[in-house]
Amino acid sequence: MHWVWTILIGFVVGALARLIVPGGGPTSFWLTAVLGIVGAVAATFAGQAIGWYAVGHPAGLVASVLGAVVVLILYKLVMREE
């Protein structure tokens, strides 16, 4: 059941990040969920490196959305068509 919640919360985080960042991006449910999950993991690692979170504590919703926004911007920079 933990994986189901992870995917659903990842989708919500990814969808919020897609609303914040203008333009195209991953549009399927699965890619949006992966975007949110990767953003949350990135925010957790960054928060632990800075000292905001203790080891084993995940990032909150706001930090996860910010992490997903950064991941989405990086995705757009890498996948940009010339």
N, C-alpha and C. Protein backbone atom coordinates (compact mmCIF):
# COMPACT_ATOMS: atom_id res chain seq x y z
N MET A 1 0.82 -1.19 0.00
CA MET A 1 0.00 0.00 0.00
C MET A 1 0.87 1.26 0.00
N HIS A 2 2.08 1.15 0.55
CA HIS A 2 2.99 2.29 0.59
C HIS A 2 3.30 2.79 -0.81
N TRP A 3 3.49 1.89 -1.77
CA TRP A 3 3.82 2.29 -3.14
C TRP A 3 2.67 3.02 -3.80
N VAL A 4 1.45 2.63 -3.49
CA VAL A 4 0.28 3.32 -4.07
C VAL A 4 0.24 4.77 -3.59
N TRP A 5 0.45 4.98 -2.30
CA TRP A 5 0.47 6.35 -1.77
C TRP A 5 1.63 7.14 -2.34
N THR A 6 2.78 6.52 -2.49
CA THR A 6 3.93 7.20 -3.07
C THR A 6 3.63 7.67 -4.48
N ILE A 7 3.00 6.82 -5.28
CA ILE A 7 2.66 7.18 -6.66
C ILE A 7 1.61 8.28 -6.68
N LEU A 8 0.58 8.18 -5.86
CA LEU A 8 -0.48 9.20 -5.85
C LEU A 8 0.04 10.55 -5.37
N ILE A 9 0.83 10.57 -4.31
CA ILE A 9 1.38 11.83 -3.81
C ILE A 9 2.38 12.38 -4.82
N GLY A 10 3.17 11.51 -5.45
CA GLY A 10 4.08 11.94 -6.50
C GLY A 10 3.33 12.58 -7.66
N PHE A 11 2.18 12.02 -8.01
CA PHE A 11 1.37 12.62 -9.08
C PHE A 11 0.89 14.01 -8.69
N VAL A 12 0.42 14.17 -7.47
CA VAL A 12 -0.06 15.48 -7.02
C VAL A 12 1.08 16.50 -7.04
N VAL A 13 2.24 16.10 -6.53
CA VAL A 13 3.40 16.99 -6.52
C VAL A 13 3.82 17.34 -7.95
N GLY A 14 3.86 16.34 -8.83
CA GLY A 14 4.22 16.58 -10.22
C GLY A 14 3.22 17.47 -10.93
N ALA A 15 1.94 17.27 -10.65
CA ALA A 15 0.91 18.11 -11.26
C ALA A 15 1.02 19.56 -10.79
N LEU A 16 1.30 19.76 -9.51
CA LEU A 16 1.50 21.13 -9.01
C LEU A 16 2.72 21.78 -9.65
N ALA A 17 3.78 21.01 -9.83
CA ALA A 17 4.97 21.55 -10.49
C ALA A 17 4.68 21.92 -11.94
N ARG A 18 3.89 21.11 -12.63
CA ARG A 18 3.53 21.41 -14.01
C ARG A 18 2.64 22.64 -14.10
N LEU A 19 1.84 22.90 -13.07
CA LEU A 19 1.03 24.12 -13.05
C LEU A 19 1.90 25.36 -12.84
N ILE A 20 2.97 25.23 -12.08
CA ILE A 20 3.84 26.37 -11.76
C ILE A 20 4.74 26.72 -12.94
N VAL A 21 5.31 25.70 -13.59
CA VAL A 21 6.25 25.92 -14.70
C VAL A 21 5.46 25.99 -16.00
N PRO A 22 5.57 27.10 -16.74
CA PRO A 22 4.81 27.21 -17.99
C PRO A 22 5.40 26.35 -19.10
N GLY A 23 4.59 26.05 -20.08
CA GLY A 23 5.06 25.29 -21.25
C GLY A 23 4.80 23.82 -21.12
N GLY A 24 5.30 23.08 -22.09
CA GLY A 24 5.08 21.65 -22.13
C GLY A 24 5.95 20.90 -21.14
N GLY A 25 5.73 19.65 -21.09
CA GLY A 25 6.48 18.78 -20.20
C GLY A 25 5.89 17.40 -20.28
N PRO A 26 6.29 16.52 -19.41
CA PRO A 26 5.71 15.17 -19.43
C PRO A 26 4.22 15.25 -19.16
N THR A 27 3.42 14.59 -20.01
CA THR A 27 1.97 14.75 -19.89
C THR A 27 1.23 13.52 -19.39
N SER A 28 1.86 12.37 -19.39
CA SER A 28 1.14 11.17 -18.95
C SER A 28 1.09 11.11 -17.43
N PHE A 29 0.17 10.31 -16.93
CA PHE A 29 0.04 10.13 -15.48
C PHE A 29 1.35 9.62 -14.89
N TRP A 30 1.95 8.62 -15.54
CA TRP A 30 3.14 7.99 -14.99
C TRP A 30 4.33 8.94 -14.99
N LEU A 31 4.52 9.70 -16.06
CA LEU A 31 5.64 10.64 -16.11
C LEU A 31 5.45 11.78 -15.10
N THR A 32 4.22 12.21 -14.91
CA THR A 32 3.95 13.24 -13.91
C THR A 32 4.21 12.70 -12.51
N ALA A 33 3.82 11.46 -12.25
CA ALA A 33 4.09 10.85 -10.95
C ALA A 33 5.58 10.68 -10.72
N VAL A 34 6.31 10.25 -11.74
CA VAL A 34 7.76 10.11 -11.61
C VAL A 34 8.40 11.47 -11.37
N LEU A 35 7.93 12.50 -12.05
CA LEU A 35 8.43 13.86 -11.83
C LEU A 35 8.26 14.26 -10.37
N GLY A 36 7.11 14.01 -9.80
CA GLY A 36 6.86 14.34 -8.40
C GLY A 36 7.71 13.53 -7.44
N ILE A 37 7.87 12.25 -7.72
CA ILE A 37 8.67 11.39 -6.84
C ILE A 37 10.13 11.81 -6.89
N VAL A 38 10.66 12.04 -8.09
CA VAL A 38 12.05 12.47 -8.23
C VAL A 38 12.26 13.83 -7.56
N GLY A 39 11.30 14.73 -7.71
CA GLY A 39 11.39 16.04 -7.06
C GLY A 39 11.41 15.92 -5.54
N ALA A 40 10.59 15.03 -5.00
CA ALA A 40 10.57 14.83 -3.55
C ALA A 40 11.87 14.23 -3.05
N VAL A 41 12.42 13.27 -3.80
CA VAL A 41 13.69 12.67 -3.41
C VAL A 41 14.81 13.71 -3.48
N ALA A 42 14.82 14.52 -4.54
CA ALA A 42 15.84 15.56 -4.67
C ALA A 42 15.72 16.58 -3.53
N ALA A 43 14.51 16.97 -3.18
CA ALA A 43 14.32 17.91 -2.08
C ALA A 43 14.74 17.31 -0.75
N THR A 44 14.50 16.02 -0.57
CA THR A 44 14.91 15.35 0.66
C THR A 44 16.43 15.34 0.79
N PHE A 45 17.12 14.95 -0.28
CA PHE A 45 18.58 14.92 -0.24
C PHE A 45 19.16 16.32 -0.05
N ALA A 46 18.60 17.30 -0.75
CA ALA A 46 19.10 18.68 -0.61
C ALA A 46 18.84 19.20 0.80
N GLY A 47 17.67 18.93 1.34
CA GLY A 47 17.34 19.36 2.70
C GLY A 47 18.23 18.71 3.74
N GLN A 48 18.57 17.44 3.55
CA GLN A 48 19.47 16.76 4.48
C GLN A 48 20.89 17.31 4.37
N ALA A 49 21.31 17.65 3.15
CA ALA A 49 22.65 18.20 2.95
C ALA A 49 22.79 19.58 3.59
N ILE A 50 21.72 20.36 3.53
CA ILE A 50 21.73 21.70 4.12
C ILE A 50 21.55 21.64 5.63
N GLY A 51 20.90 20.59 6.09
CA GLY A 51 20.66 20.44 7.52
C GLY A 51 19.24 20.75 7.94
N TRP A 52 18.35 20.89 6.96
CA TRP A 52 16.95 21.17 7.28
C TRP A 52 16.21 19.93 7.77
N TYR A 53 16.60 18.76 7.26
CA TYR A 53 15.93 17.52 7.63
C TYR A 53 16.95 16.56 8.23
N ALA A 54 16.52 15.82 9.22
CA ALA A 54 17.37 14.78 9.78
C ALA A 54 17.37 13.57 8.84
N VAL A 55 18.37 12.74 8.96
CA VAL A 55 18.44 11.54 8.13
C VAL A 55 17.22 10.67 8.41
N GLY A 56 16.57 10.25 7.36
CA GLY A 56 15.38 9.42 7.49
C GLY A 56 14.07 10.20 7.49
N HIS A 57 14.14 11.52 7.51
CA HIS A 57 12.94 12.34 7.46
C HIS A 57 12.73 12.85 6.04
N PRO A 58 11.55 12.66 5.46
CA PRO A 58 11.31 13.11 4.09
C PRO A 58 11.01 14.61 4.03
N ALA A 59 11.12 15.15 2.85
CA ALA A 59 10.78 16.56 2.63
C ALA A 59 9.27 16.73 2.72
N GLY A 60 8.84 17.92 3.04
CA GLY A 60 7.42 18.22 3.10
C GLY A 60 6.86 18.49 1.71
N LEU A 61 5.58 18.83 1.65
CA LEU A 61 4.90 19.04 0.38
C LEU A 61 5.49 20.23 -0.37
N VAL A 62 5.71 21.34 0.30
CA VAL A 62 6.21 22.54 -0.36
C VAL A 62 7.61 22.29 -0.92
N ALA A 63 8.49 21.70 -0.13
CA ALA A 63 9.85 21.39 -0.60
C ALA A 63 9.81 20.38 -1.74
N SER A 64 8.90 19.43 -1.68
CA SER A 64 8.78 18.45 -2.75
C SER A 64 8.35 19.11 -4.06
N VAL A 65 7.40 20.02 -3.97
CA VAL A 65 6.96 20.75 -5.17
C VAL A 65 8.11 21.58 -5.72
N LEU A 66 8.86 22.26 -4.85
CA LEU A 66 10.00 23.04 -5.32
C LEU A 66 11.05 22.14 -5.97
N GLY A 67 11.29 20.97 -5.39
CA GLY A 67 12.21 20.02 -6.00
C GLY A 67 11.72 19.56 -7.36
N ALA A 68 10.42 19.31 -7.49
CA ALA A 68 9.85 18.90 -8.77
C ALA A 68 9.93 20.02 -9.80
N VAL A 69 9.78 21.27 -9.36
CA VAL A 69 9.91 22.41 -10.26
C VAL A 69 11.33 22.46 -10.81
N VAL A 70 12.32 22.27 -9.95
CA VAL A 70 13.72 22.28 -10.40
C VAL A 70 13.96 21.13 -11.37
N VAL A 71 13.46 19.95 -11.06
CA VAL A 71 13.64 18.79 -11.95
C VAL A 71 12.96 19.05 -13.29
N LEU A 72 11.78 19.66 -13.28
CA LEU A 72 11.06 19.95 -14.53
C LEU A 72 11.80 20.99 -15.37
N ILE A 73 12.36 21.99 -14.73
CA ILE A 73 13.15 22.98 -15.47
C ILE A 73 14.39 22.33 -16.09
N LEU A 74 15.06 21.47 -15.33
CA LEU A 74 16.22 20.76 -15.87
C LEU A 74 15.80 19.85 -17.03
N TYR A 75 14.66 19.19 -16.90
CA TYR A 75 14.14 18.34 -17.97
C TYR A 75 13.92 19.16 -19.23
N LYS A 76 13.33 20.34 -19.09
CA LYS A 76 13.06 21.19 -20.25
C LYS A 76 14.35 21.69 -20.88
N LEU A 77 15.36 21.97 -20.08
CA LEU A 77 16.64 22.41 -20.62
C LEU A 77 17.33 21.30 -21.40
N VAL A 78 17.25 20.08 -20.90
CA VAL A 78 17.90 18.95 -21.55
C VAL A 78 17.15 18.54 -22.81
N MET A 79 15.83 18.55 -22.77
CA MET A 79 15.02 18.07 -23.88
C MET A 79 14.64 19.17 -24.87
N ARG A 80 15.23 20.34 -24.72
CA ARG A 80 14.89 21.46 -25.61
C ARG A 80 15.27 21.12 -27.04
N GLU A 81 14.33 21.39 -27.95
CA GLU A 81 14.59 21.16 -29.36
C GLU A 81 15.07 22.46 -29.99
N GLU A 82 16.06 22.36 -30.82
CA GLU A 82 16.64 23.56 -31.45
C GLU A 82 16.15 23.71 -32.84
